Amino acid sequence: MREEMQTSQEELKSANEELQSTNEELTTSEEELQSMNEELHTVNQELRNRLDEFTRTSNDVKNLLNSTDIATLFLDNSLCVRRFTSETSKVTQLIPGDVGRPITDIASALLYPELAEDARQVLRTLIKVERQIPAPTGVGSRRGSCHTARRRI
């Protein structure tokens, strides 16, 4: 009986040591997770700060472009509309819903059928293209006036 009790006591002692070891490992893991969580919070705050700065800069550029009263159209490499200035709407009839659409799919009163090809050429050669384009009538232009179209990368 005494041997059984001693054996049981040794088994309990061994189990207790294993539990203590496991507890220490869990405590270490918890400390590591807390440290990683703090790092993630720091990185997250840095990203928020960068996003805020990017948003301010983007708004500044947008305001600057709109204040120039120059029609400016931004296309991506697939010739889809990325953004445009408010002046652009006066000569092309673009609306905010046109962002993301291919420029070739958008109806325009602008007398410039070479627009897509000129844009492709600029993307291909990185050399600007400049054309005089007759102003469409009824779009705030005088009869016989022209717009200058410049395509750059």
Protein backbone atom coordinates (compact mmCIF):
# COMPACT_ATOMS: atom_id res chain seq x y z
CA MET A 1 0.00 0.00 0.00
CA ARG A 2 2.80 2.30 0.92
CA GLU A 3 4.53 1.59 -2.40
CA GLU A 4 1.32 2.38 -4.29
CA MET A 5 0.99 5.68 -2.42
CA GLN A 6 4.58 6.54 -3.12
CA THR A 7 4.16 5.65 -6.80
CA SER A 8 0.97 7.75 -6.99
CA GLN A 9 2.72 10.62 -5.25
CA GLU A 10 5.62 10.45 -7.71
CA GLU A 11 3.18 10.35 -10.65
CA LEU A 12 1.32 13.37 -9.24
CA LYS A 13 4.60 15.19 -8.71
CA SER A 14 5.64 14.42 -12.30
CA ALA A 15 2.24 15.54 -13.62
CA ASN A 16 2.51 18.73 -11.54
CA GLU A 17 5.95 19.47 -12.99
CA GLU A 18 4.60 18.93 -16.52
CA LEU A 19 1.69 21.28 -15.80
CA GLN A 20 4.07 23.89 -14.40
CA SER A 21 6.26 23.58 -17.50
CA THR A 22 3.21 23.90 -19.76
CA ASN A 23 2.04 26.92 -17.74
CA GLU A 24 5.45 28.58 -18.17
CA GLU A 25 5.32 27.93 -21.94
CA LEU A 26 1.81 29.42 -22.11
CA THR A 27 2.94 32.46 -20.12
CA THR A 28 5.87 32.93 -22.50
CA SER A 29 3.55 32.55 -25.51
CA GLU A 30 1.13 35.08 -23.99
CA GLU A 31 3.97 37.59 -23.52
CA GLU A 32 5.10 37.06 -27.11
CA LEU A 33 1.54 37.55 -28.37
CA GLN A 34 1.16 40.73 -26.33
CA SER A 35 4.43 42.03 -27.77
CA MET A 36 3.34 41.19 -31.32
CA ASN A 37 -0.04 42.82 -30.67
CA GLU A 38 1.70 46.02 -29.54
CA GLU A 39 3.86 45.96 -32.70
CA LEU A 40 0.77 45.46 -34.86
CA HIS A 41 -0.94 48.40 -33.15
CA THR A 42 2.12 50.54 -33.86
CA VAL A 43 2.26 49.48 -37.52
CA ASN A 44 -1.50 50.00 -37.84
CA GLN A 45 -1.18 53.55 -36.48
CA GLU A 46 1.69 54.26 -38.87
CA LEU A 47 -0.43 53.01 -41.78
CA ARG A 48 -3.35 55.19 -40.65
CA ASN A 49 -1.03 58.20 -40.52
CA ARG A 50 0.28 57.44 -44.02
CA LEU A 51 -3.25 56.97 -45.35
CA ASP A 52 -4.32 60.29 -43.81
CA GLU A 53 -1.31 62.00 -45.43
CA PHE A 54 -2.04 60.33 -48.77
CA THR A 55 -5.68 61.42 -48.59
CA ARG A 56 -4.69 65.02 -47.82
CA THR A 57 -2.18 65.02 -50.68
CA SER A 58 -4.68 63.48 -53.07
CA ASN A 59 -7.28 66.09 -52.12
CA ASP A 60 -4.70 68.87 -52.56
CA VAL A 61 -3.80 67.62 -56.04
CA LYS A 62 -7.48 67.25 -56.97
CA ASN A 63 -8.21 70.80 -55.77
CA LEU A 64 -5.17 72.13 -57.61
CA LEU A 65 -6.17 70.44 -60.87
CA ASN A 66 -9.76 71.64 -60.60
CA SER A 67 -8.62 75.20 -59.84
CA THR A 68 -6.61 75.37 -63.08
CA ASP A 69 -9.79 75.25 -65.18
CA ILE A 70 -7.94 72.90 -67.55
CA ALA A 71 -9.76 69.81 -68.76
CA THR A 72 -7.59 66.93 -67.58
CA LEU A 73 -8.40 63.25 -68.08
CA PHE A 74 -6.45 60.46 -66.36
CA LEU A 75 -6.50 57.00 -67.93
CA ASP A 76 -4.93 53.76 -66.73
CA ASN A 77 -2.85 51.45 -68.95
CA SER A 78 -6.06 49.83 -70.24
CA LEU A 79 -7.44 53.26 -71.24
CA CYS A 80 -10.04 53.18 -68.48
CA VAL A 81 -10.98 56.47 -66.85
CA ARG A 82 -9.19 56.87 -63.50
CA ARG A 83 -10.26 60.46 -62.78
CA PHE A 84 -10.95 63.72 -64.49
CA THR A 85 -11.26 67.39 -63.63
CA SER A 86 -14.58 69.19 -63.53
CA GLU A 87 -13.59 71.16 -66.65
CA THR A 88 -13.33 67.85 -68.55
CA SER A 89 -17.05 67.24 -68.03
CA LYS A 90 -17.81 70.42 -69.98
CA VAL A 91 -16.16 69.14 -73.16
CA THR A 92 -16.60 65.36 -72.89
CA GLN A 93 -19.83 64.89 -70.91
CA LEU A 94 -18.05 62.54 -68.48
CA ILE A 95 -19.84 61.84 -65.20
CA PRO A 96 -18.45 60.34 -61.97
CA GLY A 97 -20.02 56.98 -62.89
CA ASP A 98 -17.68 56.80 -65.90
CA VAL A 99 -14.65 56.19 -63.65
CA GLY A 100 -13.39 52.67 -64.37
CA ARG A 101 -14.99 52.52 -67.83
CA PRO A 102 -12.89 52.30 -71.00
CA ILE A 103 -12.66 55.66 -72.73
CA THR A 104 -13.60 53.88 -75.97
CA ASP A 105 -17.02 52.99 -74.51
CA ILE A 106 -17.96 56.54 -73.52
CA ALA A 107 -19.98 58.74 -75.84
CA SER A 108 -18.58 62.24 -76.26
CA ALA A 109 -19.47 65.37 -78.20
CA LEU A 110 -15.74 65.98 -78.51
CA LEU A 111 -14.63 65.77 -82.15
CA TYR A 112 -11.58 63.64 -81.44
CA PRO A 113 -11.89 60.09 -82.80
CA GLU A 114 -8.11 59.59 -82.41
CA LEU A 115 -8.27 59.93 -78.60
CA ALA A 116 -7.82 56.23 -77.82
CA GLU A 117 -5.09 55.71 -80.42
CA ASP A 118 -3.21 58.81 -79.27
CA ALA A 119 -3.42 57.60 -75.67
CA ARG A 120 -2.10 54.15 -76.70
CA GLN A 121 0.75 55.81 -78.62
CA VAL A 122 1.76 57.89 -75.60
CA LEU A 123 1.76 54.80 -73.38
CA ARG A 124 3.81 52.91 -75.97
CA THR A 125 6.36 55.63 -76.84
CA LEU A 126 6.27 57.88 -73.74
CA ILE A 127 6.29 60.86 -76.14
CA LYS A 128 3.57 63.49 -75.86
CA VAL A 129 1.00 63.98 -78.63
CA GLU A 130 -0.55 67.39 -79.23
CA ARG A 131 -3.53 68.14 -81.52
CA GLN A 132 -5.89 71.00 -82.21
CA ILE A 133 -9.45 69.71 -81.82
CA PRO A 134 -12.53 71.59 -83.02
CA ALA A 135 -14.79 72.52 -80.12
CA PRO A 136 -18.21 70.90 -80.27
CA THR A 137 -21.05 73.37 -80.62
CA GLY A 138 -23.32 73.89 -77.64
CA VAL A 139 -20.70 73.00 -75.04
CA GLY A 140 -19.84 76.53 -73.92
CA SER A 141 -17.58 77.13 -76.90
CA ARG A 142 -17.79 79.69 -79.65
CA ARG A 143 -18.40 78.45 -83.18
CA GLY A 144 -15.08 77.76 -84.86
CA SER A 145 -13.03 77.63 -81.64
CA CYS A 146 -10.58 74.84 -80.89
CA HIS A 147 -9.22 72.96 -77.89
CA THR A 148 -5.65 71.80 -77.61
CA ALA A 149 -5.33 68.14 -76.66
CA ARG A 150 -2.07 67.03 -75.09
CA ARG A 151 -1.40 63.40 -74.21
CA ARG A 152 1.43 62.62 -71.83
CA ILE A 153 2.44 59.73 -69.67
